Amino acid sequence: MGGAAGRRDCVRYLAELGAAQVDTLIMGCTHFPVIRPVIQRAVGENVTLVDPAFEAAAELKNLLVEKELLCTRPAPEGSGRLKLYVSDRAEKVRTFASAILSMDITDIEQIDIEVY
């Protein structure tokens, strides 16, 4: 949703929420946090925006602390391992993750989410 046209679309789609006097909006798509400022302007400053991915990560951190599993010391350079599990489009995720993490993602596995 780039540029003026994207902002106009966002305002148009979210106009109903403003009219309904919504006080909280859960951003249910992974790309919505990227356009958070546009969404916030469209719904108004009085609407609280919730990013479920951030909330899930915060809850995971709390759980790791509670179970005394949170590692607080930095790993030695080159000792870490990153494995990604995805439910769809592993190659697309590999390309995107490699770009934003500035590293080659080599360990990625597509899983059937229904199994879990």
PDB file of N, CA and C in Angstrom:
ATOM      1  N   MET A   1       0.838  -1.172   0.000  1.00  0.00           N
ATOM      2  CA  MET A   1       0.000   0.000   0.000  1.00  0.00           C
ATOM      3  C   MET A   1       0.878   1.228   0.000  1.00  0.00           C
ATOM      4  N   GLY A   2       1.534   1.453  -1.084  1.00  0.00           N
ATOM      5  CA  GLY A   2       2.436   2.576  -1.128  1.00  0.00           C
ATOM      6  C   GLY A   2       1.804   3.791  -1.753  1.00  0.00           C
ATOM      7  N   GLY A   3       2.351   4.948  -1.424  1.00  0.00           N
ATOM      8  CA  GLY A   3       1.944   6.185  -2.045  1.00  0.00           C
ATOM      9  C   GLY A   3       0.569   6.670  -1.633  1.00  0.00           C
ATOM     10  N   ALA A   4       0.159   7.756  -2.303  1.00  0.00           N
ATOM     11  CA  ALA A   4      -1.117   8.401  -1.982  1.00  0.00           C
ATOM     12  C   ALA A   4      -2.302   7.483  -2.255  1.00  0.00           C
ATOM     13  N   ALA A   5      -2.243   6.716  -3.333  1.00  0.00           N
ATOM     14  CA  ALA A   5      -3.350   5.807  -3.657  1.00  0.00           C
ATOM     15  C   ALA A   5      -3.514   4.756  -2.570  1.00  0.00           C
ATOM     16  N   GLY A   6      -2.418   4.232  -2.078  1.00  0.00           N
ATOM     17  CA  GLY A   6      -2.469   3.236  -1.005  1.00  0.00           C
ATOM     18  C   GLY A   6      -3.058   3.817   0.269  1.00  0.00           C
ATOM     19  N   ARG A   7      -2.666   5.049   0.591  1.00  0.00           N
ATOM     20  CA  ARG A   7      -3.218   5.701   1.781  1.00  0.00           C
ATOM     21  C   ARG A   7      -4.708   5.943   1.625  1.00  0.00           C
ATOM     22  N   ARG A   8      -5.135   6.346   0.433  1.00  0.00           N
ATOM     23  CA  ARG A   8      -6.573   6.562   0.182  1.00  0.00           C
ATOM     24  C   ARG A   8      -7.343   5.257   0.325  1.00  0.00           C
ATOM     25  N   ASP A   9      -6.783   4.163  -0.210  1.00  0.00           N
ATOM     26  CA  ASP A   9      -7.432   2.853  -0.084  1.00  0.00           C
ATOM     27  C   ASP A   9      -7.567   2.463   1.383  1.00  0.00           C
ATOM     28  N   CYS A  10      -6.504   2.668   2.136  1.00  0.00           N
ATOM     29  CA  CYS A  10      -6.508   2.323   3.559  1.00  0.00           C
ATOM     30  C   CYS A  10      -7.597   3.115   4.286  1.00  0.00           C
ATOM     31  N   VAL A  11      -7.667   4.395   4.038  1.00  0.00           N
ATOM     32  CA  VAL A  11      -8.691   5.236   4.673  1.00  0.00           C
ATOM     33  C   VAL A  11     -10.077   4.757   4.275  1.00  0.00           C
ATOM     34  N   ARG A  12     -10.262   4.445   3.012  1.00  0.00           N
ATOM     35  CA  ARG A  12     -11.571   3.993   2.538  1.00  0.00           C
ATOM     36  C   ARG A  12     -11.980   2.683   3.211  1.00  0.00           C
ATOM     37  N   TYR A  13     -11.053   1.725   3.283  1.00  0.00           N
ATOM     38  CA  TYR A  13     -11.366   0.430   3.873  1.00  0.00           C
ATOM     39  C   TYR A  13     -11.633   0.523   5.377  1.00  0.00           C
ATOM     40  N   LEU A  14     -10.962   1.448   6.022  1.00  0.00           N
ATOM     41  CA  LEU A  14     -11.069   1.537   7.477  1.00  0.00           C
ATOM     42  C   LEU A  14     -12.090   2.568   7.957  1.00  0.00           C
ATOM     43  N   ALA A  15     -12.726   3.251   7.044  1.00  0.00           N
ATOM     44  CA  ALA A  15     -13.688   4.291   7.412  1.00  0.00           C
ATOM     45  C   ALA A  15     -14.814   3.743   8.287  1.00  0.00           C
ATOM     46  N   GLU A  16     -15.269   2.535   7.995  1.00  0.00           N
ATOM     47  CA  GLU A  16     -16.345   1.927   8.780  1.00  0.00           C
ATOM     48  C   GLU A  16     -15.963   1.780  10.247  1.00  0.00           C
ATOM     49  N   LEU A  17     -14.711   1.471  10.489  1.00  0.00           N
ATOM     50  CA  LEU A  17     -14.268   1.289  11.871  1.00  0.00           C
ATOM     51  C   LEU A  17     -14.353   2.595  12.642  1.00  0.00           C
ATOM     52  N   GLY A  18     -13.974   3.675  12.000  1.00  0.00           N
ATOM     53  CA  GLY A  18     -14.079   4.976  12.647  1.00  0.00           C
ATOM     54  C   GLY A  18     -15.520   5.320  12.961  1.00  0.00           C
ATOM     55  N   ALA A  19     -16.399   5.028  12.040  1.00  0.00           N
ATOM     56  CA  ALA A  19     -17.824   5.307  12.239  1.00  0.00           C
ATOM     57  C   ALA A  19     -18.402   4.435  13.351  1.00  0.00           C
ATOM     58  N   ALA A  20     -17.873   3.230  13.530  1.00  0.00           N
ATOM     59  CA  ALA A  20     -18.373   2.303  14.548  1.00  0.00           C
ATOM     60  C   ALA A  20     -17.751   2.578  15.920  1.00  0.00           C
ATOM     61  N   GLN A  21     -16.881   3.562  16.002  1.00  0.00           N
ATOM     62  CA  GLN A  21     -16.191   3.940  17.239  1.00  0.00           C
ATOM     63  C   GLN A  21     -15.447   2.758  17.872  1.00  0.00           C
ATOM     64  N   VAL A  22     -14.718   2.035  17.033  1.00  0.00           N
ATOM     65  CA  VAL A  22     -13.874   0.928  17.490  1.00  0.00           C
ATOM     66  C   VAL A  22     -12.748   1.508  18.340  1.00  0.00           C
ATOM     67  N   ASP A  23     -12.418   0.839  19.454  1.00  0.00           N
ATOM     68  CA  ASP A  23     -11.333   1.352  20.287  1.00  0.00           C
ATOM     69  C   ASP A  23     -10.045   0.545  20.149  1.00  0.00           C
ATOM     70  N   THR A  24     -10.144  -0.680  19.611  1.00  0.00           N
ATOM     71  CA  THR A  24      -8.967  -1.534  19.439  1.00  0.00           C
ATOM     72  C   THR A  24      -9.067  -2.267  18.110  1.00  0.00           C
ATOM     73  N   LEU A  25      -7.956  -2.316  17.393  1.00  0.00           N
ATOM     74  CA  LEU A  25      -7.910  -3.003  16.110  1.00  0.00           C
ATOM     75  C   LEU A  25      -6.744  -3.986  16.130  1.00  0.00           C
ATOM     76  N   ILE A  26      -7.040  -5.260  15.901  1.00  0.00           N
ATOM     77  CA  ILE A  26      -5.992  -6.283  15.828  1.00  0.00           C
ATOM     78  C   ILE A  26      -5.558  -6.397  14.373  1.00  0.00           C
ATOM     79  N   MET A  27      -4.274  -6.174  14.131  1.00  0.00           N
ATOM     80  CA  MET A  27      -3.741  -6.228  12.771  1.00  0.00           C
ATOM     81  C   MET A  27      -3.477  -7.687  12.422  1.00  0.00           C
ATOM     82  N   GLY A  28      -4.424  -8.319  11.734  1.00  0.00           N
ATOM     83  CA  GLY A  28      -4.417  -9.758  11.524  1.00  0.00           C
ATOM     84  C   GLY A  28      -3.620 -10.258  10.348  1.00  0.00           C
ATOM     85  N   CYS A  29      -2.989  -9.426   9.572  1.00  0.00           N
ATOM     86  CA  CYS A  29      -2.140  -9.880   8.460  1.00  0.00           C
ATOM     87  C   CYS A  29      -0.698  -9.514   8.766  1.00  0.00           C
ATOM     88  N   THR A  30       0.208 -10.342   8.317  1.00  0.00           N
ATOM     89  CA  THR A  30       1.619 -10.145   8.648  1.00  0.00           C
ATOM     90  C   THR A  30       2.196  -8.844   8.122  1.00  0.00           C
ATOM     91  N   HIS A  31       1.625  -8.299   7.048  1.00  0.00           N
ATOM     92  CA  HIS A  31       2.186  -7.074   6.479  1.00  0.00           C
ATOM     93  C   HIS A  31       1.576  -5.808   7.082  1.00  0.00           C
ATOM     94  N   PHE A  32       0.526  -5.908   7.865  1.00  0.00           N
ATOM     95  CA  PHE A  32      -0.104  -4.716   8.419  1.00  0.00           C
ATOM     96  C   PHE A  32       0.827  -3.902   9.322  1.00  0.00           C
ATOM     97  N   PRO A  33       1.673  -4.529  10.169  1.00  0.00           N
ATOM     98  CA  PRO A  33       2.579  -3.712  10.977  1.00  0.00           C
ATOM     99  C   PRO A  33       3.513  -2.833  10.144  1.00  0.00           C
ATOM    100  N   VAL A  34       3.798  -3.254   8.923  1.00  0.00           N
ATOM    101  CA  VAL A  34       4.657  -2.455   8.039  1.00  0.00           C
ATOM    102  C   VAL A  34       3.980  -1.129   7.691  1.00  0.00           C
ATOM    103  N   ILE A  35       2.669  -1.148   7.587  1.00  0.00           N
ATOM    104  CA  ILE A  35       1.928   0.073   7.244  1.00  0.00           C
ATOM    105  C   ILE A  35       1.175   0.618   8.461  1.00  0.00           C
ATOM    106  N   ARG A  36       1.658   0.288   9.639  1.00  0.00           N
ATOM    107  CA  ARG A  36       1.029   0.723  10.888  1.00  0.00           C
ATOM    108  C   ARG A  36       0.753   2.233  10.925  1.00  0.00           C
ATOM    109  N   PRO A  37       1.713   3.087  10.551  1.00  0.00           N
ATOM    110  CA  PRO A  37       1.433   4.525  10.600  1.00  0.00           C
ATOM    111  C   PRO A  37       0.247   4.935   9.708  1.00  0.00           C
ATOM    112  N   VAL A  38       0.131   4.306   8.549  1.00  0.00           N
ATOM    113  CA  VAL A  38      -0.982   4.608   7.642  1.00  0.00           C
ATOM    114  C   VAL A  38      -2.296   4.161   8.274  1.00  0.00           C
ATOM    115  N   ILE A  39      -2.291   2.967   8.848  1.00  0.00           N
ATOM    116  CA  ILE A  39      -3.497   2.451   9.506  1.00  0.00           C
ATOM    117  C   ILE A  39      -3.868   3.345  10.682  1.00  0.00           C
ATOM    118  N   GLN A  40      -2.878   3.731  11.482  1.00  0.00           N
ATOM    119  CA  GLN A  40      -3.151   4.567  12.655  1.00  0.00           C
ATOM    120  C   GLN A  40      -3.776   5.891  12.243  1.00  0.00           C
ATOM    121  N   ARG A  41      -3.230   6.509  11.194  1.00  0.00           N
ATOM    122  CA  ARG A  41      -3.821   7.772  10.721  1.00  0.00           C
ATOM    123  C   ARG A  41      -5.250   7.555  10.224  1.00  0.00           C
ATOM    124  N   ALA A  42      -5.485   6.404   9.580  1.00  0.00           N
ATOM    125  CA  ALA A  42      -6.809   6.138   9.014  1.00  0.00           C
ATOM    126  C   ALA A  42      -7.863   5.915  10.093  1.00  0.00           C
ATOM    127  N   VAL A  43      -7.487   5.253  11.195  1.00  0.00           N
ATOM    128  CA  VAL A  43      -8.475   4.946  12.239  1.00  0.00           C
ATOM    129  C   VAL A  43      -8.482   5.971  13.359  1.00  0.00           C
ATOM    130  N   GLY A  44      -7.433   6.777  13.445  1.00  0.00           N
ATOM    131  CA  GLY A  44      -7.362   7.807  14.479  1.00  0.00           C
ATOM    132  C   GLY A  44      -6.491   7.383  15.647  1.00  0.00           C
ATOM    133  N   GLU A  45      -5.958   8.375  16.332  1.00  0.00           N
ATOM    134  CA  GLU A  45      -5.039   8.132  17.445  1.00  0.00           C
ATOM    135  C   GLU A  45      -5.720   7.491  18.651  1.00  0.00           C
ATOM    136  N   ASN A  46      -7.049   7.579  18.728  1.00  0.00           N
ATOM    137  CA  ASN A  46      -7.768   7.013  19.870  1.00  0.00           C
ATOM    138  C   ASN A  46      -7.975   5.500  19.742  1.00  0.00           C
ATOM    139  N   VAL A  47      -7.597   4.913  18.608  1.00  0.00           N
ATOM    140  CA  VAL A  47      -7.729   3.465  18.401  1.00  0.00           C
ATOM    141  C   VAL A  47      -6.397   2.799  18.701  1.00  0.00           C
ATOM    142  N   THR A  48      -6.426   1.798  19.567  1.00  0.00           N
ATOM    143  CA  THR A  48      -5.223   1.028  19.905  1.00  0.00           C
ATOM    144  C   THR A  48      -5.015  -0.048  18.851  1.00  0.00           C
ATOM    145  N   LEU A  49      -3.806  -0.075  18.257  1.00  0.00           N
ATOM    146  CA  LEU A  49      -3.465  -1.102  17.274  1.00  0.00           C
ATOM    147  C   LEU A  49      -2.689  -2.217  17.972  1.00  0.00           C
ATOM    148  N   VAL A  50      -3.096  -3.455  17.725  1.00  0.00           N
ATOM    149  CA  VAL A  50      -2.450  -4.613  18.337  1.00  0.00           C
ATOM    150  C   VAL A  50      -1.796  -5.437  17.232  1.00  0.00           C
ATOM    151  N   ASP A  51      -0.502  -5.704  17.395  1.00  0.00           N
ATOM    152  CA  ASP A  51       0.255  -6.560  16.476  1.00  0.00           C
ATOM    153  C   ASP A  51       0.351  -7.939  17.124  1.00  0.00           C
ATOM    154  N   PRO A  52      -0.424  -8.935  16.633  1.00  0.00           N
ATOM    155  CA  PRO A  52      -0.421 -10.243  17.274  1.00  0.00           C
ATOM    156  C   PRO A  52       0.951 -10.922  17.287  1.00  0.00           C
ATOM    157  N   ALA A  53       1.763 -10.663  16.279  1.00  0.00           N
ATOM    158  CA  ALA A  53       3.100 -11.278  16.245  1.00  0.00           C
ATOM    159  C   ALA A  53       3.952 -10.757  17.400  1.00  0.00           C
ATOM    160  N   PHE A  54       3.883  -9.455  17.651  1.00  0.00           N
ATOM    161  CA  PHE A  54       4.629  -8.869  18.771  1.00  0.00           C
ATOM    162  C   PHE A  54       4.129  -9.439  20.094  1.00  0.00           C
ATOM    163  N   GLU A  55       2.809  -9.519  20.238  1.00  0.00           N
ATOM    164  CA  GLU A  55       2.219 -10.037  21.476  1.00  0.00           C
ATOM    165  C   GLU A  55       2.599 -11.499  21.691  1.00  0.00           C
ATOM    166  N   ALA A  56       2.622 -12.287  20.614  1.00  0.00           N
ATOM    167  CA  ALA A  56       3.019 -13.697  20.726  1.00  0.00           C
ATOM    168  C   ALA A  56       4.483 -13.812  21.149  1.00  0.00           C
ATOM    169  N   ALA A  57       5.338 -12.976  20.569  1.00  0.00           N
ATOM    170  CA  ALA A  57       6.760 -12.997  20.930  1.00  0.00           C
ATOM    171  C   ALA A  57       6.955 -12.586  22.389  1.00  0.00           C
ATOM    172  N   ALA A  58       6.215 -11.584  22.838  1.00  0.00           N
ATOM    173  CA  ALA A  58       6.311 -11.146  24.234  1.00  0.00           C
ATOM    174  C   ALA A  58       5.849 -12.257  25.176  1.00  0.00           C
ATOM    175  N   GLU A  59       4.776 -12.938  24.813  1.00  0.00           N
ATOM    176  CA  GLU A  59       4.271 -14.039  25.635  1.00  0.00           C
ATOM    177  C   GLU A  59       5.267 -15.196  25.667  1.00  0.00           C
ATOM    178  N   LEU A  60       5.898 -15.483  24.536  1.00  0.00           N
ATOM    179  CA  LEU A  60       6.922 -16.529  24.489  1.00  0.00           C
ATOM    180  C   LEU A  60       8.090 -16.173  25.409  1.00  0.00           C
ATOM    181  N   LYS A  61       8.518 -14.923  25.366  1.00  0.00           N
ATOM    182  CA  LYS A  61       9.614 -14.499  26.251  1.00  0.00           C
ATOM    183  C   LYS A  61       9.219 -14.694  27.713  1.00  0.00           C
ATOM    184  N   ASN A  62       7.988 -14.305  28.070  1.00  0.00           N
ATOM    185  CA  ASN A  62       7.519 -14.486  29.441  1.00  0.00           C
ATOM    186  C   ASN A  62       7.552 -15.964  29.841  1.00  0.00           C
ATOM    187  N   LEU A  63       7.124 -16.835  28.933  1.00  0.00           N
ATOM    188  CA  LEU A  63       7.113 -18.268  29.206  1.00  0.00           C
ATOM    189  C   LEU A  63       8.532 -18.796  29.388  1.00  0.00           C
ATOM    190  N   LEU A  64       9.457 -18.357  28.533  1.00  0.00           N
ATOM    191  CA  LEU A  64      10.850 -18.798  28.659  1.00  0.00           C
ATOM    192  C   LEU A  64      11.459 -18.332  29.973  1.00  0.00           C
ATOM    193  N   VAL A  65      11.132 -17.114  30.393  1.00  0.00           N
ATOM    194  CA  VAL A  65      11.622 -16.606  31.682  1.00  0.00           C
ATOM    195  C   VAL A  65      11.038 -17.446  32.817  1.00  0.00           C
ATOM    196  N   GLU A  66       9.726 -17.681  32.755  1.00  0.00           N
ATOM    197  CA  GLU A  66       9.040 -18.463  33.796  1.00  0.00           C
ATOM    198  C   GLU A  66       9.640 -19.865  33.930  1.00  0.00           C
ATOM    199  N   LYS A  67       9.977 -20.482  32.807  1.00  0.00           N
ATOM    200  CA  LYS A  67      10.522 -21.850  32.808  1.00  0.00           C
ATOM    201  C   LYS A  67      12.041 -21.871  32.949  1.00  0.00           C
ATOM    202  N   GLU A  68      12.627 -20.677  33.147  1.00  0.00           N
ATOM    203  CA  GLU A  68      14.077 -20.518  33.272  1.00  0.00           C
ATOM    204  C   GLU A  68      14.821 -21.089  32.065  1.00  0.00           C
ATOM    205  N   LEU A  69      14.272 -20.812  30.872  1.00  0.00           N
ATOM    206  CA  LEU A  69      14.877 -21.294  29.633  1.00  0.00           C
ATOM    207  C   LEU A  69      15.411 -20.159  28.754  1.00  0.00           C
ATOM    208  N   LEU A  70      15.234 -18.931  29.192  1.00  0.00           N
ATOM    209  CA  LEU A  70      15.674 -17.793  28.393  1.00  0.00           C
ATOM    210  C   LEU A  70      17.182 -17.625  28.511  1.00  0.00           C
ATOM    211  N   CYS A  71      17.850 -17.650  27.396  1.00  0.00           N
ATOM    212  CA  CYS A  71      19.297 -17.439  27.361  1.00  0.00           C
ATOM    213  C   CYS A  71      19.566 -15.940  27.330  1.00  0.00           C
ATOM    214  N   THR A  72      20.280 -15.445  28.320  1.00  0.00           N
ATOM    215  CA  THR A  72      20.535 -14.003  28.393  1.00  0.00           C
ATOM    216  C   THR A  72      21.968 -13.643  28.027  1.00  0.00           C
ATOM    217  N   ARG A  73      22.795 -14.636  27.788  1.00  0.00           N
ATOM    218  CA  ARG A  73      24.173 -14.330  27.398  1.00  0.00           C
ATOM    219  C   ARG A  73      24.309 -14.457  25.882  1.00  0.00           C
ATOM    220  N   PRO A  74      25.110 -13.582  25.286  1.00  0.00           N
ATOM    221  CA  PRO A  74      25.272 -13.664  23.835  1.00  0.00           C
ATOM    222  C   PRO A  74      26.016 -14.939  23.437  1.00  0.00           C
ATOM    223  N   ALA A  75      25.611 -15.514  22.334  1.00  0.00           N
ATOM    224  CA  ALA A  75      26.289 -16.706  21.817  1.00  0.00           C
ATOM    225  C   ALA A  75      27.597 -16.291  21.177  1.00  0.00           C
ATOM    226  N   PRO A  76      28.616 -17.124  21.293  1.00  0.00           N
ATOM    227  CA  PRO A  76      29.881 -16.823  20.620  1.00  0.00           C
ATOM    228  C   PRO A  76      29.661 -16.712  19.106  1.00  0.00           C
ATOM    229  N   GLU A  77      30.391 -15.833  18.487  1.00  0.00           N
ATOM    230  CA  GLU A  77      30.285 -15.607  17.040  1.00  0.00           C
ATOM    231  C   GLU A  77      30.384 -16.918  16.281  1.00  0.00           C
ATOM    232  N   GLY A  78      29.407 -17.157  15.424  1.00  0.00           N
ATOM    233  CA  GLY A  78      29.415 -18.338  14.575  1.00  0.00           C
ATOM    234  C   GLY A  78      28.914 -19.608  15.237  1.00  0.00           C
ATOM    235  N   SER A  79      28.498 -19.539  16.495  1.00  0.00           N
ATOM    236  CA  SER A  79      28.077 -20.757  17.188  1.00  0.00           C
ATOM    237  C   SER A  79      26.580 -21.010  17.100  1.00  0.00           C
ATOM    238  N   GLY A  80      25.838 -20.005  16.708  1.00  0.00           N
ATOM    239  CA  GLY A  80      24.388 -20.145  16.667  1.00  0.00           C
ATOM    240  C   GLY A  80      23.910 -20.891  15.427  1.00  0.00           C
ATOM    241  N   ARG A  81      22.686 -21.354  15.509  1.00  0.00           N
ATOM    242  CA  ARG A  81      22.071 -22.061  14.388  1.00  0.00           C
ATOM    243  C   ARG A  81      20.650 -21.542  14.256  1.00  0.00           C
ATOM    244  N   LEU A  82      20.247 -21.272  13.053  1.00  0.00           N
ATOM    245  CA  LEU A  82      18.900 -20.776  12.789  1.00  0.00           C
ATOM    246  C   LEU A  82      18.170 -21.781  11.919  1.00  0.00           C
ATOM    247  N   LYS A  83      17.036 -22.255  12.394  1.00  0.00           N
ATOM    248  CA  LYS A  83      16.191 -23.136  11.602  1.00  0.00           C
ATOM    249  C   LYS A  83      14.806 -22.515  11.585  1.00  0.00           C
ATOM    250  N   LEU A  84      14.251 -22.373  10.390  1.00  0.00           N
ATOM    251  CA  LEU A  84      12.918 -21.805  10.233  1.00  0.00           C
ATOM    252  C   LEU A  84      11.930 -22.899   9.881  1.00  0.00           C
ATOM    253  N   TYR A  85      10.778 -22.847  10.505  1.00  0.00           N
ATOM    254  CA  TYR A  85       9.667 -23.726  10.182  1.00  0.00           C
ATOM    255  C   TYR A  85       8.549 -22.854   9.637  1.00  0.00           C
ATOM    256  N   VAL A  86       8.043 -23.200   8.463  1.00  0.00           N
ATOM    257  CA  VAL A  86       7.000 -22.406   7.823  1.00  0.00           C
ATOM    258  C   VAL A  86       5.859 -23.318   7.394  1.00  0.00           C
ATOM    259  N   SER A  87       4.679 -22.735   7.284  1.00  0.00           N
ATOM    260  CA  SER A  87       3.518 -23.530   6.890  1.00  0.00           C
ATOM    261  C   SER A  87       3.229 -23.427   5.399  1.00  0.00           C
ATOM    262  N   ASP A  88       3.918 -22.527   4.700  1.00  0.00           N
ATOM    263  CA  ASP A  88       3.655 -22.349   3.277  1.00  0.00           C
ATOM    264  C   ASP A  88       4.808 -21.582   2.640  1.00  0.00           C
ATOM    265  N   ARG A  89       5.028 -21.825   1.374  1.00  0.00           N
ATOM    266  CA  ARG A  89       5.964 -21.065   0.542  1.00  0.00           C
ATOM    267  C   ARG A  89       7.376 -20.957   1.120  1.00  0.00           C
ATOM    268  N   ALA A  90       7.968 -22.080   1.397  1.00  0.00           N
ATOM    269  CA  ALA A  90       9.296 -22.112   2.006  1.00  0.00           C
ATOM    270  C   ALA A  90      10.325 -21.334   1.195  1.00  0.00           C
ATOM    271  N   GLU A  91      10.322 -21.476  -0.114  1.00  0.00           N
ATOM    272  CA  GLU A  91      11.326 -20.787  -0.936  1.00  0.00           C
ATOM    273  C   GLU A  91      11.137 -19.265  -0.887  1.00  0.00           C
ATOM    274  N   LYS A  92       9.893 -18.827  -0.902  1.00  0.00           N
ATOM    275  CA  LYS A  92       9.629 -17.385  -0.824  1.00  0.00           C
ATOM    276  C   LYS A  92      10.086 -16.832   0.531  1.00  0.00           C
ATOM    277  N   VAL A  93       9.808 -17.583   1.592  1.00  0.00           N
ATOM    278  CA  VAL A  93      10.242 -17.165   2.926  1.00  0.00           C
ATOM    279  C   VAL A  93      11.764 -17.167   3.000  1.00  0.00           C
ATOM    280  N   ARG A  94      12.407 -18.189   2.421  1.00  0.00           N
ATOM    281  CA  ARG A  94      13.872 -18.246   2.426  1.00  0.00           C
ATOM    282  C   ARG A  94      14.468 -16.995   1.772  1.00  0.00           C
ATOM    283  N   THR A  95      13.941 -16.623   0.630  1.00  0.00           N
ATOM    284  CA  THR A  95      14.449 -15.451  -0.090  1.00  0.00           C
ATOM    285  C   THR A  95      14.249 -14.183   0.726  1.00  0.00           C
ATOM    286  N   PHE A  96      13.035 -14.018   1.275  1.00  0.00           N
ATOM    287  CA  PHE A  96      12.718 -12.822   2.058  1.00  0.00           C
ATOM    288  C   PHE A  96      13.565 -12.764   3.328  1.00  0.00           C
ATOM    289  N   ALA A  97      13.630 -13.882   4.064  1.00  0.00           N
ATOM    290  CA  ALA A  97      14.383 -13.908   5.317  1.00  0.00           C
ATOM    291  C   ALA A  97      15.868 -13.663   5.069  1.00  0.00           C
ATOM    292  N   SER A  98      16.396 -14.236   4.005  1.00  0.00           N
ATOM    293  CA  SER A  98      17.811 -14.016   3.675  1.00  0.00           C
ATOM    294  C   SER A  98      18.081 -12.539   3.433  1.00  0.00           C
ATOM    295  N   ALA A  99      17.137 -11.867   2.775  1.00  0.00           N
ATOM    296  CA  ALA A  99      17.315 -10.440   2.473  1.00  0.00           C
ATOM    297  C   ALA A  99      17.246  -9.589   3.734  1.00  0.00           C
ATOM    298  N   ILE A 100      16.252  -9.833   4.590  1.00  0.00           N
ATOM    299  CA  ILE A 100      16.107  -8.948   5.756  1.00  0.00           C
ATOM    300  C   ILE A 100      17.077  -9.285   6.878  1.00  0.00           C
ATOM    301  N   LEU A 101      17.563 -10.524   6.927  1.00  0.00           N
ATOM    302  CA  LEU A 101      18.517 -10.902   7.965  1.00  0.00           C
ATOM    303  C   LEU A 101      19.966 -10.769   7.504  1.00  0.00           C
ATOM    304  N   SER A 102      20.152 -10.435   6.238  1.00  0.00           N
ATOM    305  CA  SER A 102      21.497 -10.295   5.655  1.00  0.00           C
ATOM    306  C   SER A 102      22.351 -11.536   5.891  1.00  0.00           C
ATOM    307  N   MET A 103      21.753 -12.701   5.688  1.00  0.00           N
ATOM    308  CA  MET A 103      22.482 -13.955   5.807  1.00  0.00           C
ATOM    309  C   MET A 103      21.779 -15.003   4.955  1.00  0.00           C
ATOM    310  N   ASP A 104      22.526 -16.027   4.577  1.00  0.00           N
ATOM    311  CA  ASP A 104      21.918 -17.111   3.813  1.00  0.00           C
ATOM    312  C   ASP A 104      21.118 -18.003   4.754  1.00  0.00           C
ATOM    313  N   ILE A 105      19.851 -18.179   4.447  1.00  0.00           N
ATOM    314  CA  ILE A 105      19.004 -19.088   5.211  1.00  0.00           C
ATOM    315  C   ILE A 105      19.092 -20.439   4.519  1.00  0.00           C
ATOM    316  N   THR A 106      19.690 -21.397   5.188  1.00  0.00           N
ATOM    317  CA  THR A 106      19.880 -22.706   4.570  1.00  0.00           C
ATOM    318  C   THR A 106      19.023 -23.787   5.206  1.00  0.00           C
ATOM    319  N   ASP A 107      18.571 -23.564   6.415  1.00  0.00           N
ATOM    320  CA  ASP A 107      17.823 -24.590   7.132  1.00  0.00           C
ATOM    321  C   ASP A 107      16.373 -24.137   7.303  1.00  0.00           C
ATOM    322  N   ILE A 108      15.536 -24.508   6.359  1.00  0.00           N
ATOM    323  CA  ILE A 108      14.127 -24.128   6.397  1.00  0.00           C
ATOM    324  C   ILE A 108      13.301 -25.351   6.033  1.00  0.00           C
ATOM    325  N   GLU A 109      12.227 -25.539   6.785  1.00  0.00           N
ATOM    326  CA  GLU A 109      11.401 -26.718   6.573  1.00  0.00           C
ATOM    327  C   GLU A 109       9.930 -26.319   6.528  1.00  0.00           C
ATOM    328  N   GLN A 110       9.262 -26.756   5.476  1.00  0.00           N
ATOM    329  CA  GLN A 110       7.823 -26.530   5.377  1.00  0.00           C
ATOM    330  C   GLN A 110       7.122 -27.665   6.111  1.00  0.00           C
ATOM    331  N   ILE A 111       6.245 -27.285   7.041  1.00  0.00           N
ATOM    332  CA  ILE A 111       5.538 -28.287   7.848  1.00  0.00           C
ATOM    333  C   ILE A 111       4.035 -28.199   7.613  1.00  0.00           C
ATOM    334  N   ASP A 112       3.355 -29.269   7.943  1.00  0.00           N
ATOM    335  CA  ASP A 112       1.898 -29.291   7.886  1.00  0.00           C
ATOM    336  C   ASP A 112       1.379 -28.820   9.237  1.00  0.00           C
ATOM    337  N   ILE A 113       0.856 -27.619   9.287  1.00  0.00           N
ATOM    338  CA  ILE A 113       0.431 -26.998  10.544  1.00  0.00           C
ATOM    339  C   ILE A 113      -0.677 -27.812  11.212  1.00  0.00           C
ATOM    340  N   GLU A 114      -1.448 -28.552  10.433  1.00  0.00           N
ATOM    341  CA  GLU A 114      -2.535 -29.364  10.992  1.00  0.00           C
ATOM    342  C   GLU A 114      -2.001 -30.487  11.880  1.00  0.00           C
ATOM    343  N   VAL A 115      -0.765 -30.911  11.652  1.00  0.00           N
ATOM    344  CA  VAL A 115      -0.171 -31.963  12.456  1.00  0.00           C
ATOM    345  C   VAL A 115       0.078 -31.470  13.879  1.00  0.00           C
ATOM    346  N   TYR A 116       0.314 -30.178  14.013  1.00  0.00           N
ATOM    347  CA  TYR A 116       0.633 -29.604  15.315  1.00  0.00           C
ATOM    348  C   TYR A 116      -0.605 -29.084  15.968  1.00  0.00           C
TER     349      TYR A 116
END
